[in-house]
Amino acid sequence: NLKAGEKAKAAGSFLQASIYLKQATALVDEEDWEEQYNLCLRLYTVCAESQLAQADYEASIQAIEPVLAHGRNIRDKAPASYVCIVALIGQAKMHEALNMAMSVMEQLGEMF
């Protein structure tokens, strides 16, 4: 389902991509994050991006939460954080978006 979702997303068919990707995320359990970390990371990130492209901000944030929870380092979490920040802006939650962006910047070594 990941490959089908990525292909649909690349073709601009975000609804179809979301369907494939949400089905795939439903099959993931905690052990998969240990055994198939990179696959899970990519799956949830692409799913959230597809939701974001449809302006389904809440679904995008929900899809990205596992990446933020299981991500091993800031490099793995950065794309997910970006999606979350954009989704928060789309919901007019500017203060939350700013706080998250500043947190990411601090984790990258930038101090304010």
N, C-alpha and C. Protein backbone atom coordinates (compact mmCIF):
# COMPACT_ATOMS: atom_id res chain seq x y z
N ASN A 1 0.80 -1.20 0.00
CA ASN A 1 0.00 0.00 0.00
C ASN A 1 0.85 1.27 0.00
N LEU A 2 2.04 1.20 0.57
CA LEU A 2 2.92 2.38 0.57
C LEU A 2 3.28 2.76 -0.86
N LYS A 3 3.69 1.81 -1.66
CA LYS A 3 4.07 2.12 -3.05
C LYS A 3 2.89 2.66 -3.83
N ALA A 4 1.71 2.07 -3.65
CA ALA A 4 0.51 2.55 -4.34
C ALA A 4 0.17 3.97 -3.87
N GLY A 5 0.31 4.21 -2.58
CA GLY A 5 0.04 5.55 -2.05
C GLY A 5 1.01 6.58 -2.56
N GLU A 6 2.29 6.22 -2.61
CA GLU A 6 3.30 7.15 -3.12
C GLU A 6 3.06 7.45 -4.60
N LYS A 7 2.69 6.42 -5.34
CA LYS A 7 2.42 6.60 -6.77
C LYS A 7 1.21 7.51 -6.97
N ALA A 8 0.15 7.29 -6.21
CA ALA A 8 -1.04 8.13 -6.31
C ALA A 8 -0.73 9.56 -5.90
N LYS A 9 0.06 9.73 -4.85
CA LYS A 9 0.43 11.07 -4.39
C LYS A 9 1.24 11.80 -5.46
N ALA A 10 2.19 11.08 -6.08
CA ALA A 10 3.02 11.67 -7.12
C ALA A 10 2.17 12.10 -8.33
N ALA A 11 1.08 11.39 -8.55
CA ALA A 11 0.19 11.71 -9.67
C ALA A 11 -0.82 12.79 -9.29
N GLY A 12 -0.77 13.26 -8.05
CA GLY A 12 -1.69 14.31 -7.62
C GLY A 12 -3.03 13.79 -7.16
N SER A 13 -3.17 12.48 -7.03
CA SER A 13 -4.42 11.87 -6.57
C SER A 13 -4.34 11.68 -5.06
N PHE A 14 -4.48 12.78 -4.33
CA PHE A 14 -4.25 12.77 -2.90
C PHE A 14 -5.30 11.98 -2.12
N LEU A 15 -6.55 12.00 -2.58
CA LEU A 15 -7.58 11.22 -1.91
C LEU A 15 -7.27 9.73 -2.01
N GLN A 16 -6.94 9.28 -3.20
CA GLN A 16 -6.62 7.87 -3.39
C GLN A 16 -5.37 7.49 -2.59
N ALA A 17 -4.39 8.37 -2.60
CA ALA A 17 -3.17 8.12 -1.82
C ALA A 17 -3.52 7.97 -0.34
N SER A 18 -4.36 8.85 0.16
CA SER A 18 -4.75 8.79 1.57
C SER A 18 -5.44 7.48 1.91
N ILE A 19 -6.27 7.01 1.01
CA ILE A 19 -6.97 5.76 1.25
C ILE A 19 -5.99 4.61 1.37
N TYR A 20 -5.07 4.51 0.43
CA TYR A 20 -4.06 3.44 0.49
C TYR A 20 -3.21 3.54 1.75
N LEU A 21 -2.78 4.75 2.04
CA LEU A 21 -1.85 4.94 3.16
C LEU A 21 -2.51 4.76 4.52
N LYS A 22 -3.75 5.20 4.66
CA LYS A 22 -4.45 4.99 5.93
C LYS A 22 -4.70 3.51 6.16
N GLN A 23 -4.99 2.76 5.09
CA GLN A 23 -5.15 1.32 5.22
C GLN A 23 -3.85 0.68 5.70
N ALA A 24 -2.75 1.15 5.18
CA ALA A 24 -1.45 0.60 5.57
C ALA A 24 -1.13 0.95 7.02
N THR A 25 -1.39 2.17 7.44
CA THR A 25 -1.08 2.56 8.82
C THR A 25 -1.92 1.77 9.82
N ALA A 26 -3.10 1.36 9.42
CA ALA A 26 -3.96 0.58 10.31
C ALA A 26 -3.35 -0.78 10.64
N LEU A 27 -2.42 -1.23 9.81
CA LEU A 27 -1.80 -2.54 10.01
C LEU A 27 -0.53 -2.47 10.86
N VAL A 28 -0.06 -1.27 11.17
CA VAL A 28 1.19 -1.09 11.90
C VAL A 28 0.95 -1.24 13.40
N ASP A 29 1.82 -1.99 14.07
CA ASP A 29 1.78 -2.07 15.52
C ASP A 29 3.11 -1.60 16.10
N GLU A 30 3.20 -1.58 17.41
CA GLU A 30 4.40 -1.07 18.08
C GLU A 30 5.68 -1.80 17.67
N GLU A 31 5.60 -3.10 17.50
CA GLU A 31 6.78 -3.88 17.12
C GLU A 31 7.32 -3.46 15.76
N ASP A 32 6.42 -3.06 14.87
CA ASP A 32 6.85 -2.64 13.53
C ASP A 32 7.77 -1.44 13.58
N TRP A 33 7.55 -0.57 14.56
CA TRP A 33 8.42 0.60 14.69
C TRP A 33 9.85 0.20 15.04
N GLU A 34 10.02 -0.93 15.70
CA GLU A 34 11.36 -1.43 16.01
C GLU A 34 11.95 -2.21 14.85
N GLU A 35 11.13 -3.05 14.23
CA GLU A 35 11.60 -3.97 13.20
C GLU A 35 11.66 -3.35 11.80
N GLN A 36 10.76 -2.42 11.54
CA GLN A 36 10.67 -1.79 10.21
C GLN A 36 10.60 -0.27 10.36
N TYR A 37 11.54 0.27 11.10
CA TYR A 37 11.52 1.69 11.46
C TYR A 37 11.42 2.60 10.24
N ASN A 38 12.31 2.44 9.28
CA ASN A 38 12.32 3.34 8.12
C ASN A 38 11.03 3.25 7.31
N LEU A 39 10.49 2.05 7.19
CA LEU A 39 9.24 1.87 6.47
C LEU A 39 8.10 2.60 7.19
N CYS A 40 8.03 2.43 8.50
CA CYS A 40 6.98 3.11 9.28
C CYS A 40 7.13 4.63 9.20
N LEU A 41 8.34 5.09 9.31
CA LEU A 41 8.62 6.52 9.23
C LEU A 41 8.11 7.09 7.91
N ARG A 42 8.47 6.44 6.83
CA ARG A 42 8.04 6.89 5.50
C ARG A 42 6.53 6.78 5.33
N LEU A 43 5.96 5.68 5.77
CA LEU A 43 4.52 5.45 5.62
C LEU A 43 3.70 6.54 6.29
N TYR A 44 3.99 6.82 7.54
CA TYR A 44 3.22 7.82 8.26
C TYR A 44 3.48 9.24 7.74
N THR A 45 4.70 9.52 7.34
CA THR A 45 5.01 10.85 6.82
C THR A 45 4.29 11.09 5.50
N VAL A 46 4.33 10.14 4.60
CA VAL A 46 3.65 10.28 3.31
C VAL A 46 2.14 10.35 3.51
N CYS A 47 1.63 9.59 4.45
CA CYS A 47 0.19 9.64 4.75
C CYS A 47 -0.20 11.04 5.22
N ALA A 48 0.57 11.60 6.12
CA ALA A 48 0.28 12.95 6.63
C ALA A 48 0.39 13.99 5.53
N GLU A 49 1.38 13.85 4.66
CA GLU A 49 1.52 14.80 3.54
C GLU A 49 0.31 14.73 2.61
N SER A 50 -0.20 13.53 2.38
CA SER A 50 -1.39 13.38 1.53
C SER A 50 -2.61 14.01 2.17
N GLN A 51 -2.74 13.85 3.48
CA GLN A 51 -3.85 14.49 4.19
C GLN A 51 -3.71 16.01 4.13
N LEU A 52 -2.50 16.49 4.30
CA LEU A 52 -2.25 17.93 4.26
C LEU A 52 -2.59 18.51 2.88
N ALA A 53 -2.26 17.78 1.83
CA ALA A 53 -2.54 18.24 0.47
C ALA A 53 -4.05 18.38 0.21
N GLN A 54 -4.84 17.69 1.00
CA GLN A 54 -6.31 17.79 0.89
C GLN A 54 -6.89 18.81 1.87
N ALA A 55 -6.02 19.49 2.58
CA ALA A 55 -6.40 20.46 3.61
C ALA A 55 -7.17 19.80 4.75
N ASP A 56 -6.92 18.51 4.97
CA ASP A 56 -7.49 17.81 6.12
C ASP A 56 -6.46 17.89 7.24
N TYR A 57 -6.41 19.04 7.87
CA TYR A 57 -5.36 19.35 8.83
C TYR A 57 -5.38 18.44 10.06
N GLU A 58 -6.56 18.18 10.57
CA GLU A 58 -6.66 17.34 11.75
C GLU A 58 -6.17 15.92 11.45
N ALA A 59 -6.57 15.36 10.32
CA ALA A 59 -6.12 14.02 9.94
C ALA A 59 -4.61 14.00 9.70
N SER A 60 -4.09 15.08 9.16
CA SER A 60 -2.65 15.19 8.93
C SER A 60 -1.89 15.15 10.25
N ILE A 61 -2.37 15.89 11.22
CA ILE A 61 -1.72 15.91 12.54
C ILE A 61 -1.82 14.54 13.20
N GLN A 62 -2.97 13.91 13.09
CA GLN A 62 -3.13 12.57 13.67
C GLN A 62 -2.18 11.58 13.02
N ALA A 63 -2.01 11.69 11.71
CA ALA A 63 -1.12 10.76 10.99
C ALA A 63 0.34 10.97 11.36
N ILE A 64 0.69 12.19 11.72
CA ILE A 64 2.09 12.49 11.99
C ILE A 64 2.48 12.22 13.45
N GLU A 65 1.53 12.13 14.34
CA GLU A 65 1.82 11.91 15.76
C GLU A 65 2.71 10.69 16.02
N PRO A 66 2.48 9.54 15.36
CA PRO A 66 3.37 8.40 15.60
C PRO A 66 4.83 8.67 15.21
N VAL A 67 5.04 9.47 14.18
CA VAL A 67 6.41 9.80 13.78
C VAL A 67 7.06 10.66 14.85
N LEU A 68 6.33 11.61 15.38
CA LEU A 68 6.87 12.46 16.43
C LEU A 68 7.12 11.66 17.71
N ALA A 69 6.31 10.65 17.95
CA ALA A 69 6.47 9.82 19.15
C ALA A 69 7.59 8.79 19.00
N HIS A 70 7.74 8.22 17.82
CA HIS A 70 8.70 7.12 17.63
C HIS A 70 9.99 7.55 16.94
N GLY A 71 10.01 8.75 16.39
CA GLY A 71 11.21 9.21 15.69
C GLY A 71 12.42 9.18 16.60
N ARG A 72 13.52 8.69 16.08
CA ARG A 72 14.72 8.49 16.90
C ARG A 72 15.56 9.74 17.05
N ASN A 73 15.44 10.67 16.11
CA ASN A 73 16.24 11.89 16.18
C ASN A 73 15.54 12.99 15.40
N ILE A 74 16.08 14.19 15.52
CA ILE A 74 15.44 15.35 14.89
C ILE A 74 15.45 15.24 13.36
N ARG A 75 16.45 14.61 12.80
CA ARG A 75 16.49 14.45 11.34
C ARG A 75 15.32 13.59 10.86
N ASP A 76 14.98 12.58 11.63
CA ASP A 76 13.84 11.73 11.27
C ASP A 76 12.52 12.45 11.49
N LYS A 77 12.47 13.30 12.51
CA LYS A 77 11.24 14.00 12.86
C LYS A 77 11.02 15.29 12.08
N ALA A 78 12.07 15.84 11.47
CA ALA A 78 11.95 17.16 10.82
C ALA A 78 10.86 17.21 9.75
N PRO A 79 10.79 16.26 8.81
CA PRO A 79 9.71 16.33 7.82
C PRO A 79 8.33 16.25 8.47
N ALA A 80 8.20 15.43 9.49
CA ALA A 80 6.94 15.32 10.21
C ALA A 80 6.60 16.62 10.92
N SER A 81 7.60 17.23 11.51
CA SER A 81 7.39 18.51 12.20
C SER A 81 6.93 19.57 11.22
N TYR A 82 7.52 19.59 10.05
CA TYR A 82 7.12 20.55 9.02
C TYR A 82 5.64 20.38 8.67
N VAL A 83 5.23 19.13 8.44
CA VAL A 83 3.83 18.84 8.11
C VAL A 83 2.92 19.32 9.24
N CYS A 84 3.31 19.04 10.45
CA CYS A 84 2.50 19.44 11.61
C CYS A 84 2.42 20.96 11.72
N ILE A 85 3.51 21.65 11.51
CA ILE A 85 3.51 23.11 11.58
C ILE A 85 2.60 23.71 10.51
N VAL A 86 2.68 23.20 9.30
CA VAL A 86 1.81 23.70 8.22
C VAL A 86 0.34 23.41 8.54
N ALA A 87 0.07 22.22 9.08
CA ALA A 87 -1.32 21.88 9.45
C ALA A 87 -1.83 22.80 10.55
N LEU A 88 -0.99 23.11 11.51
CA LEU A 88 -1.40 24.04 12.58
C LEU A 88 -1.67 25.42 12.01
N ILE A 89 -0.85 25.87 11.09
CA ILE A 89 -1.09 27.17 10.45
C ILE A 89 -2.41 27.13 9.69
N GLY A 90 -2.67 26.03 9.00
CA GLY A 90 -3.93 25.87 8.27
C GLY A 90 -5.14 25.93 9.17
N GLN A 91 -4.96 25.57 10.44
CA GLN A 91 -6.04 25.64 11.42
C GLN A 91 -6.05 26.97 12.17
N ALA A 92 -5.21 27.89 11.74
CA ALA A 92 -5.06 29.21 12.37
C ALA A 92 -4.59 29.09 13.82
N LYS A 93 -3.79 28.08 14.11
CA LYS A 93 -3.20 27.90 15.44
C LYS A 93 -1.75 28.39 15.38
N MET A 94 -1.62 29.68 15.16
CA MET A 94 -0.31 30.28 14.93
C MET A 94 0.63 30.15 16.13
N HIS A 95 0.09 30.33 17.32
CA HIS A 95 0.93 30.24 18.52
C HIS A 95 1.52 28.83 18.66
N GLU A 96 0.69 27.81 18.46
CA GLU A 96 1.17 26.43 18.54
C GLU A 96 2.20 26.15 17.44
N ALA A 97 1.92 26.64 16.23
CA ALA A 97 2.85 26.44 15.11
C ALA A 97 4.20 27.09 15.40
N LEU A 98 4.16 28.30 15.92
CA LEU A 98 5.39 29.02 16.25
C LEU A 98 6.17 28.29 17.34
N ASN A 99 5.47 27.83 18.37
CA ASN A 99 6.15 27.10 19.45
C ASN A 99 6.81 25.83 18.92
N MET A 100 6.12 25.11 18.06
CA MET A 100 6.69 23.89 17.51
C MET A 100 7.89 24.22 16.62
N ALA A 101 7.78 25.23 15.80
CA ALA A 101 8.89 25.62 14.93
C ALA A 101 10.11 26.03 15.76
N MET A 102 9.90 26.77 16.83
CA MET A 102 11.02 27.19 17.67
C MET A 102 11.65 25.98 18.37
N SER A 103 10.83 25.02 18.78
CA SER A 103 11.34 23.81 19.41
C SER A 103 12.22 23.02 18.44
N VAL A 104 11.76 22.91 17.20
CA VAL A 104 12.55 22.20 16.18
C VAL A 104 13.87 22.92 15.94
N MET A 105 13.81 24.23 15.83
CA MET A 105 15.03 25.01 15.62
C MET A 105 16.02 24.84 16.78
N GLU A 106 15.51 24.81 17.99
CA GLU A 106 16.38 24.60 19.15
C GLU A 106 17.02 23.21 19.10
N GLN A 107 16.25 22.21 18.69
CA GLN A 107 16.80 20.86 18.58
C GLN A 107 17.85 20.77 17.50
N LEU A 108 17.76 21.67 16.53
CA LEU A 108 18.76 21.72 15.46
C LEU A 108 19.96 22.57 15.84
N GLY A 109 19.93 23.15 17.05
CA GLY A 109 21.07 23.90 17.53
C GLY A 109 20.93 25.41 17.47
N GLU A 110 19.80 25.90 17.03
CA GLU A 110 19.57 27.35 16.98
C GLU A 110 18.96 27.80 18.31
N MET A 111 19.53 28.83 18.88
CA MET A 111 19.01 29.34 20.16
C MET A 111 18.39 30.71 19.96
N PHE A 112 17.32 30.96 20.71
CA PHE A 112 16.60 32.23 20.62
C PHE A 112 16.61 32.92 21.95
